[in-house]
Amino acid sequence: MLRTILYAISSLALVAIVVRMPETALQAALQGIALWWGIVFPGLLPFFVLAELLRAFGVLHALSVLLDAPMRRLLGWPGGAAWAIAIGWTAGYSAGAEATAALRMEQRISRRQGQWLLAFSHMPSPMLILIVIGAGFLHQPSLGILIALAVWLSALLGLVLLRLVRRPAPEPEDRTHTHPPTGLLRAAVIAMLEGHRSDGRSLGQVLGEAVTGSIQKLMTIGGLIIMGSLASRLLQLALPPALSPLAFSGLFDSHLGTYALSEAMTSYSTPLILGAIAATLCWGGWSSLLQARSACAGTDLRFGPFLLARIGHALLAFGVILALWEPYNRWLSPAVWSPSGADAWQPPLELRLGDLPSLWSYVPGAMVGWGVLWSFLLLGSFLYWVTQRRSPA
């Protein structure tokens, strides 16, 4: 009851502020629309369509089979958890929460496993990091790769720390989907064929529905960006200067927050800004957090531990960026960072509907980087599985 009253009061206050300052509200909404239409929409639409193709033709089913053994040996989770991780780490925010909620409702995972899996599978989309932020906001795809590394490594580090601090209780091992080592690749192929057979759609039908569904998702993202931009701007005007950090747009939406931080690149230390971008992505903003809560509404998964996990992930990502900055400058950076001169970082163009940088020229390089990183992840998982299989029980 109290929550409903607070929501009602907040809604009335927001409406009153919009009526009181209509021009400011309009400018904030237009900024959100320009950001969504100019960079987020063209950056994410191709990947959303490709992700649906991967799902329809069974590629993600095959990936979940390949990750089945590492999930059991490393984390003690059932093989079905690999599906939630695969879809969460590729499709982005709320996809992992939806998959985790489905597993919990089917009683394929325990409540404790569901809490851990919910925290580990709620990740930003790789294309959001590599294309939208690396190429679109920062104009340096290599920085997108650095941020992606920090986000992924901090997630793994956080999971290891949780295992050390609070080891989950042993639960009966589910061997329903185990596969003999000699038939792992064969089982992956069979899972891919079965996944496509169960989907049953032709290429034309998949493409049509993928485009329709992707545009619907992007419309939802666009609405959240506009509302986040509006709330951030109005809160900034309403709060005193001492409380201005509470109006940071990244608290409401990760797209707005990372863009605001990219504009500050020339004014503050580069690794600190990149660390703040990585932390904002791991936090996700209230927009993605509320989407995850909505996905888990029909389960017994709690929102409090999930919220603490997001805060911890953000802090770890900030630290990982600082740790990786020197190695990046030494081995991965295409040129020595220079704060001035011809090679200096240039701030993004002012976002206007008719004057925006093209993102498509950056797609091949970013896709190669994403593929290399996923290859290392799968290779590491396979080597760990082999060593565990050969070790004595």
Protein backbone atom coordinates (compact mmCIF):
# COMPACT_ATOMS: atom_id res chain seq x y z
CA MET A 1 0.00 0.00 0.00
CA LEU A 2 2.76 2.43 0.96
CA ARG A 3 4.59 1.65 -2.27
CA THR A 4 1.48 2.42 -4.30
CA ILE A 5 1.04 5.75 -2.52
CA LEU A 6 4.68 6.68 -3.16
CA TYR A 7 4.35 5.77 -6.84
CA ALA A 8 1.20 7.87 -7.14
CA ILE A 9 2.81 10.89 -5.45
CA SER A 10 5.92 10.59 -7.62
CA SER A 11 3.81 10.41 -10.78
CA LEU A 12 1.79 13.46 -9.78
CA ALA A 13 4.97 15.39 -8.95
CA LEU A 14 6.50 14.50 -12.32
CA VAL A 15 3.38 15.61 -14.16
CA ALA A 16 3.32 18.88 -12.21
CA ILE A 17 6.98 19.59 -13.05
CA VAL A 18 6.40 18.86 -16.75
CA VAL A 19 3.41 21.23 -16.80
CA ARG A 20 5.46 23.84 -14.94
CA MET A 21 8.48 23.59 -17.31
CA PRO A 22 7.16 22.33 -20.66
CA GLU A 23 10.04 23.70 -22.75
CA THR A 24 12.68 22.03 -20.57
CA ALA A 25 10.76 18.76 -20.67
CA LEU A 26 10.50 18.96 -24.45
CA GLN A 27 14.24 19.59 -24.87
CA ALA A 28 15.09 16.65 -22.59
CA ALA A 29 12.75 14.36 -24.53
CA LEU A 30 14.22 15.51 -27.86
CA GLN A 31 17.73 14.79 -26.61
CA GLY A 32 16.66 11.27 -25.68
CA ILE A 33 15.03 10.76 -29.08
CA ALA A 34 18.12 12.00 -30.92
CA LEU A 35 20.39 9.68 -28.95
CA TRP A 36 18.11 6.69 -29.54
CA TRP A 37 17.41 7.32 -33.23
CA GLY A 38 20.89 8.46 -34.21
CA ILE A 39 23.10 5.88 -32.48
CA VAL A 40 21.25 3.29 -30.40
CA PHE A 41 18.71 2.26 -33.06
CA PRO A 42 21.16 1.65 -35.97
CA GLY A 43 23.72 0.17 -33.60
CA LEU A 44 21.44 -2.45 -32.04
CA LEU A 45 18.88 -3.30 -34.74
CA PRO A 46 21.21 -5.54 -36.83
CA PHE A 47 22.39 -7.40 -33.75
CA PHE A 48 18.87 -7.99 -32.43
CA VAL A 49 17.93 -9.50 -35.78
CA LEU A 50 21.07 -11.67 -35.83
CA ALA A 51 20.44 -12.81 -32.24
CA GLU A 52 16.97 -13.99 -33.24
CA LEU A 53 18.48 -15.88 -36.18
CA LEU A 54 20.96 -17.56 -33.82
CA ARG A 55 18.10 -18.59 -31.57
CA ALA A 56 15.83 -19.80 -34.39
CA PHE A 57 18.49 -21.92 -36.09
CA GLY A 58 19.70 -23.54 -32.86
CA VAL A 59 23.12 -21.90 -32.50
CA LEU A 60 22.41 -20.83 -28.92
CA HIS A 61 21.14 -24.33 -28.15
CA ALA A 62 24.47 -25.73 -29.34
CA LEU A 63 26.33 -23.16 -27.25
CA SER A 64 24.42 -24.17 -24.14
CA VAL A 65 25.45 -27.80 -24.70
CA LEU A 66 29.11 -26.80 -25.06
CA LEU A 67 28.89 -24.84 -21.80
CA ASP A 68 27.04 -27.64 -19.99
CA ALA A 69 30.13 -29.33 -18.49
CA PRO A 70 31.85 -26.12 -17.32
CA MET A 71 28.60 -25.00 -15.68
CA ARG A 72 28.40 -28.23 -13.68
CA ARG A 73 32.06 -28.53 -12.73
CA LEU A 74 32.93 -24.88 -12.15
CA LEU A 75 29.69 -23.53 -10.68
CA GLY A 76 27.66 -26.56 -9.69
CA TRP A 77 24.73 -25.34 -11.76
CA PRO A 78 22.55 -27.58 -13.94
CA GLY A 79 23.15 -27.57 -17.65
CA GLY A 80 20.04 -25.48 -18.31
CA ALA A 81 21.80 -22.52 -16.70
CA ALA A 82 24.10 -22.39 -19.72
CA TRP A 83 21.14 -21.34 -21.86
CA ALA A 84 20.33 -18.38 -19.58
CA ILE A 85 23.97 -17.27 -19.62
CA ALA A 86 24.28 -17.66 -23.38
CA ILE A 87 21.15 -15.63 -24.11
CA GLY A 88 21.89 -13.05 -21.38
CA TRP A 89 25.45 -12.40 -22.52
CA THR A 90 24.45 -12.05 -26.17
CA ALA A 91 20.99 -10.45 -26.22
CA GLY A 92 21.66 -8.01 -23.39
CA TYR A 93 19.63 -6.60 -20.51
CA SER A 94 16.52 -8.45 -19.29
CA ALA A 95 17.05 -11.42 -21.66
CA GLY A 96 19.02 -13.29 -19.00
CA ALA A 97 16.43 -12.44 -16.37
CA GLU A 98 13.64 -13.78 -18.57
CA ALA A 99 15.54 -17.04 -19.17
CA THR A 100 16.36 -17.39 -15.45
CA ALA A 101 12.74 -16.80 -14.49
CA ALA A 102 11.63 -19.47 -16.95
CA LEU A 103 14.09 -21.99 -15.48
CA ARG A 104 12.92 -21.20 -11.95
CA MET A 105 9.22 -21.52 -12.82
CA GLU A 106 9.97 -24.90 -14.39
CA GLN A 107 11.78 -25.93 -11.15
CA ARG A 108 14.96 -26.70 -13.09
CA ILE A 109 17.04 -24.60 -10.70
CA SER A 110 16.75 -23.92 -6.98
CA ARG A 111 16.00 -20.51 -5.54
CA ARG A 112 19.64 -19.93 -4.52
CA GLN A 113 20.88 -21.00 -7.93
CA GLY A 114 18.32 -18.69 -9.50
CA GLN A 115 19.57 -15.72 -7.46
CA TRP A 116 23.14 -16.35 -8.57
CA LEU A 117 22.16 -17.00 -12.15
CA LEU A 118 20.02 -13.85 -12.26
CA ALA A 119 22.99 -11.73 -11.19
CA PHE A 120 25.42 -13.44 -13.59
CA SER A 121 23.21 -13.43 -16.69
CA HIS A 122 22.07 -9.78 -16.51
CA MET A 123 24.66 -8.25 -18.81
CA PRO A 124 24.83 -5.46 -21.39
CA SER A 125 24.72 -6.51 -25.02
CA PRO A 126 28.14 -6.88 -26.69
CA MET A 127 26.95 -4.70 -29.55
CA LEU A 128 25.93 -1.98 -27.11
CA ILE A 129 29.49 -1.92 -25.81
CA LEU A 130 31.39 -2.42 -29.07
CA ILE A 131 29.22 -0.60 -31.60
CA VAL A 132 27.13 2.00 -29.77
CA ILE A 133 29.69 3.01 -27.13
CA GLY A 134 33.06 2.09 -28.67
CA ALA A 135 32.32 3.24 -32.21
CA GLY A 136 29.43 5.64 -31.73
CA PHE A 137 30.12 7.49 -28.48
CA LEU A 138 33.91 7.20 -28.14
CA HIS A 139 34.80 6.92 -31.86
CA GLN A 140 37.43 4.29 -30.94
CA PRO A 141 36.31 0.66 -31.29
CA SER A 142 39.40 -0.51 -29.39
CA LEU A 143 38.12 1.29 -26.30
CA GLY A 144 34.87 -0.62 -26.70
CA ILE A 145 36.85 -3.87 -26.57
CA LEU A 146 38.61 -2.69 -23.40
CA ILE A 147 35.29 -1.84 -21.73
CA ALA A 148 33.80 -5.18 -22.81
CA LEU A 149 36.77 -7.03 -21.31
CA ALA A 150 36.31 -5.17 -18.04
CA VAL A 151 32.58 -5.91 -17.91
CA TRP A 152 33.03 -9.63 -18.63
CA LEU A 153 36.09 -10.17 -16.43
CA SER A 154 34.49 -8.34 -13.50
CA ALA A 155 31.41 -10.58 -13.82
CA LEU A 156 33.57 -13.69 -13.64
CA LEU A 157 35.61 -12.22 -10.78
CA GLY A 158 32.45 -11.38 -8.86
CA LEU A 159 31.16 -14.92 -9.28
CA VAL A 160 34.45 -16.36 -8.00
CA LEU A 161 34.35 -14.05 -4.97
CA LEU A 162 30.79 -15.09 -4.19
CA ARG A 163 31.79 -18.75 -4.41
CA LEU A 164 34.65 -18.14 -1.95
CA VAL A 165 32.58 -16.12 0.51
CA ARG A 166 29.36 -18.13 0.38
CA ARG A 167 29.69 -21.52 -1.21
CA PRO A 168 26.30 -22.90 -2.27
CA ALA A 169 25.00 -26.00 -0.58
CA PRO A 170 25.49 -29.21 -2.58
CA GLU A 171 22.41 -30.24 -4.50
CA PRO A 172 21.55 -33.41 -6.40
CA GLU A 173 23.30 -33.45 -9.74
CA ASP A 174 21.03 -33.41 -12.74
CA ARG A 175 22.45 -35.77 -15.35
CA THR A 176 19.58 -35.51 -17.78
CA HIS A 177 21.58 -33.54 -20.32
CA THR A 178 25.11 -34.86 -19.73
CA HIS A 179 27.03 -36.02 -22.77
CA PRO A 180 30.00 -38.39 -23.16
CA PRO A 181 33.24 -36.52 -23.92
CA THR A 182 33.62 -38.19 -27.31
CA GLY A 183 30.19 -37.00 -28.38
CA LEU A 184 30.26 -33.41 -27.14
CA LEU A 185 30.46 -31.80 -30.58
CA ARG A 186 27.97 -34.33 -31.93
CA ALA A 187 25.59 -33.49 -29.07
CA ALA A 188 26.00 -29.78 -29.85
CA VAL A 189 25.11 -30.38 -33.49
CA ILE A 190 22.11 -32.50 -32.49
CA ALA A 191 20.97 -29.76 -30.08
CA MET A 192 21.28 -27.21 -32.87
CA LEU A 193 19.18 -29.34 -35.23
CA GLU A 194 16.58 -30.03 -32.55
CA GLY A 195 16.43 -26.35 -31.67
CA HIS A 196 15.76 -25.42 -35.28
CA ARG A 197 13.25 -28.26 -35.65
CA SER A 198 11.35 -27.17 -32.55
CA ASP A 199 11.31 -23.59 -33.85
CA GLY A 200 10.03 -24.71 -37.23
CA ARG A 201 10.22 -21.34 -39.00
CA SER A 202 11.69 -20.78 -42.44
CA LEU A 203 14.37 -18.19 -43.12
CA GLY A 204 11.90 -15.68 -44.55
CA GLN A 205 9.53 -16.06 -41.61
CA VAL A 206 12.37 -15.75 -39.10
CA LEU A 207 13.68 -12.60 -40.78
CA GLY A 208 10.27 -10.96 -40.85
CA GLU A 209 9.45 -11.77 -37.24
CA ALA A 210 12.99 -10.91 -36.12
CA VAL A 211 12.74 -7.43 -37.64
CA THR A 212 9.27 -6.87 -36.15
CA GLY A 213 10.30 -8.09 -32.71
CA SER A 214 13.57 -6.16 -32.78
CA ILE A 215 11.81 -2.91 -33.65
CA GLN A 216 9.37 -3.52 -30.79
CA LYS A 217 12.28 -4.01 -28.37
CA LEU A 218 14.00 -0.90 -29.66
CA MET A 219 10.80 1.09 -29.26
CA THR A 220 10.72 0.00 -25.61
CA ILE A 221 14.37 0.99 -25.21
CA GLY A 222 13.64 4.32 -26.87
CA GLY A 223 10.77 5.03 -24.50
CA LEU A 224 12.94 4.21 -21.50
CA ILE A 225 15.73 6.46 -22.81
CA ILE A 226 13.29 9.35 -23.27
CA MET A 227 11.81 8.89 -19.79
CA GLY A 228 15.28 8.58 -18.29
CA SER A 229 16.42 11.76 -20.03
CA LEU A 230 13.32 13.58 -18.83
CA ALA A 231 13.66 12.38 -15.22
CA SER A 232 17.37 13.17 -15.10
CA ARG A 233 16.96 16.71 -16.45
CA LEU A 234 14.01 17.59 -14.22
CA LEU A 235 15.71 16.13 -11.17
CA GLN A 236 18.84 18.12 -11.97
CA LEU A 237 16.82 21.34 -11.95
CA ALA A 238 14.93 20.42 -8.78
CA LEU A 239 17.89 19.38 -6.62
CA PRO A 240 20.42 21.73 -4.99
CA PRO A 241 24.00 21.64 -6.38
CA ALA A 242 25.20 19.54 -3.43
CA LEU A 243 22.84 16.72 -4.47
CA SER A 244 23.49 16.96 -8.22
CA PRO A 245 25.10 13.46 -8.41
CA LEU A 246 21.62 12.04 -7.74
CA ALA A 247 20.57 13.44 -11.13
CA PHE A 248 23.27 11.54 -13.05
CA SER A 249 21.53 10.10 -16.10
CA GLY A 250 23.37 6.78 -15.77
CA LEU A 251 21.34 6.02 -12.66
CA PHE A 252 18.23 5.90 -14.85
CA ASP A 253 19.52 4.50 -18.16
CA SER A 254 22.91 3.14 -19.23
CA HIS A 255 22.69 4.62 -22.74
CA LEU A 256 22.21 8.15 -21.42
CA GLY A 257 24.86 7.68 -18.73
CA THR A 258 27.56 6.37 -21.03
CA TYR A 259 26.90 9.14 -23.55
CA ALA A 260 27.15 11.80 -20.84
CA LEU A 261 30.42 10.29 -19.64
CA SER A 262 31.83 10.12 -23.18
CA GLU A 263 31.27 13.86 -23.50
CA ALA A 264 33.41 14.38 -20.39
CA MET A 265 36.36 12.43 -21.81
CA THR A 266 38.44 15.54 -22.55
CA SER A 267 37.80 17.09 -19.13
CA TYR A 268 38.75 14.21 -16.83
CA SER A 269 41.25 11.38 -16.62
CA THR A 270 40.65 8.85 -19.39
CA PRO A 271 40.86 5.65 -17.28
CA LEU A 272 38.51 7.15 -14.69
CA ILE A 273 35.94 8.00 -17.37
CA LEU A 274 36.26 4.54 -18.94
CA GLY A 275 35.89 2.97 -15.50
CA ALA A 276 32.76 5.03 -14.89
CA ILE A 277 31.38 3.91 -18.27
CA ALA A 278 32.04 0.24 -17.42
CA ALA A 279 30.43 0.71 -13.99
CA THR A 280 27.39 2.38 -15.56
CA LEU A 281 26.99 -0.53 -17.97
CA CYS A 282 27.21 -3.08 -15.15
CA TRP A 283 24.67 -1.12 -13.11
CA GLY A 284 22.36 -0.94 -16.14
CA GLY A 285 20.15 1.86 -14.87
CA TRP A 286 16.77 1.64 -13.21
CA SER A 287 15.20 1.03 -16.60
CA SER A 288 16.92 -2.34 -17.08
CA LEU A 289 16.65 -3.24 -13.40
CA LEU A 290 12.90 -2.76 -13.42
CA GLN A 291 12.65 -4.81 -16.61
CA ALA A 292 14.48 -7.65 -14.84
CA ARG A 293 12.20 -7.32 -11.83
CA SER A 294 9.16 -7.48 -14.07
CA ALA A 295 10.52 -10.63 -15.75
CA CYS A 296 10.94 -12.33 -12.35
CA ALA A 297 7.59 -11.16 -10.95
CA GLY A 298 6.04 -14.62 -11.06
CA THR A 299 8.90 -16.33 -9.21
CA ASP A 300 10.31 -16.32 -5.67
CA LEU A 301 13.54 -14.60 -6.76
CA ARG A 302 14.28 -11.53 -4.65
CA PHE A 303 15.12 -8.10 -6.01
CA GLY A 304 17.32 -7.00 -3.09
CA PRO A 305 20.22 -9.45 -3.62
CA PHE A 306 20.05 -8.77 -7.36
CA LEU A 307 20.37 -5.03 -6.72
CA LEU A 308 23.40 -5.58 -4.45
CA ALA A 309 24.97 -7.79 -7.11
CA ARG A 310 24.62 -5.00 -9.67
CA ILE A 311 26.33 -2.53 -7.35
CA GLY A 312 29.15 -4.98 -6.66
CA HIS A 313 29.58 -5.72 -10.36
CA ALA A 314 29.82 -1.99 -11.08
CA LEU A 315 32.53 -1.49 -8.46
CA LEU A 316 34.53 -4.47 -9.73
CA ALA A 317 34.29 -3.25 -13.34
CA PHE A 318 35.63 0.16 -12.33
CA GLY A 319 38.62 -1.52 -10.66
CA VAL A 320 39.25 -3.87 -13.58
CA ILE A 321 39.41 -0.92 -16.00
CA LEU A 322 42.08 0.73 -13.85
CA ALA A 323 44.01 -2.55 -13.74
CA LEU A 324 43.79 -3.08 -17.52
CA TRP A 325 44.59 0.49 -18.56
CA GLU A 326 48.37 0.18 -18.60
CA PRO A 327 48.38 -3.19 -20.44
CA TYR A 328 45.92 -1.71 -22.94
CA ASN A 329 48.17 1.29 -23.59
CA ARG A 330 51.18 -0.96 -23.98
CA TRP A 331 49.85 -3.80 -26.12
CA LEU A 332 46.32 -3.17 -27.39
CA SER A 333 46.05 0.54 -28.08
CA PRO A 334 46.51 1.34 -31.81
CA ALA A 335 48.37 4.54 -30.90
CA VAL A 336 49.79 6.16 -27.79
CA TRP A 337 47.08 8.21 -26.13
CA SER A 338 47.66 11.90 -26.64
CA PRO A 339 45.51 14.60 -25.01
CA SER A 340 46.36 17.07 -27.75
CA GLY A 341 47.34 17.08 -31.37
CA ALA A 342 46.01 15.43 -34.50
CA ASP A 343 45.51 12.05 -32.82
CA ALA A 344 43.65 13.43 -29.83
CA TRP A 345 40.26 12.01 -28.94
CA GLN A 346 37.49 14.05 -30.46
CA PRO A 347 34.17 14.41 -28.60
CA PRO A 348 31.10 13.01 -30.34
CA LEU A 349 29.21 15.24 -32.71
CA GLU A 350 26.27 17.16 -31.34
CA LEU A 351 23.36 14.80 -31.66
CA ARG A 352 21.03 16.05 -34.38
CA LEU A 353 18.54 13.97 -36.34
CA GLY A 354 20.10 14.91 -39.70
CA ASP A 355 23.79 15.08 -38.75
CA LEU A 356 25.07 11.92 -37.08
CA PRO A 357 28.21 9.80 -37.46
CA SER A 358 27.85 6.58 -39.42
CA LEU A 359 28.30 3.41 -37.37
CA TRP A 360 28.38 0.79 -40.10
CA SER A 361 32.05 1.32 -41.01
CA TYR A 362 32.99 0.12 -37.51
CA VAL A 363 30.94 -3.09 -37.54
CA PRO A 364 33.51 -5.51 -39.08
CA GLY A 365 36.29 -4.64 -36.63
CA ALA A 366 33.98 -4.79 -33.65
CA MET A 367 32.51 -8.11 -34.80
CA VAL A 368 36.02 -9.57 -35.12
CA GLY A 369 36.88 -8.41 -31.60
CA TRP A 370 33.67 -9.88 -30.22
CA GLY A 371 34.32 -13.18 -31.97
CA VAL A 372 37.88 -13.38 -30.64
CA LEU A 373 36.75 -12.72 -27.07
CA TRP A 374 34.02 -15.36 -27.24
CA SER A 375 36.51 -17.81 -28.76
CA PHE A 376 38.84 -17.32 -25.79
CA LEU A 377 35.91 -17.86 -23.41
CA LEU A 378 34.85 -21.10 -25.09
CA LEU A 379 38.46 -22.33 -25.35
CA GLY A 380 39.06 -21.66 -21.66
CA SER A 381 35.85 -23.46 -20.73
CA PHE A 382 36.80 -26.45 -22.88
CA LEU A 383 40.32 -26.68 -21.39
CA TYR A 384 38.92 -26.51 -17.87
CA TRP A 385 36.45 -29.27 -18.68
CA VAL A 386 39.23 -31.49 -20.09
CA THR A 387 41.48 -31.00 -17.08
CA GLN A 388 38.64 -31.74 -14.65
CA ARG A 389 37.70 -34.88 -16.56
CA ARG A 390 41.26 -36.21 -16.39
CA SER A 391 41.75 -35.36 -12.72
CA PRO A 392 40.87 -38.06 -10.15
CA ALA A 393 37.40 -37.90 -8.67
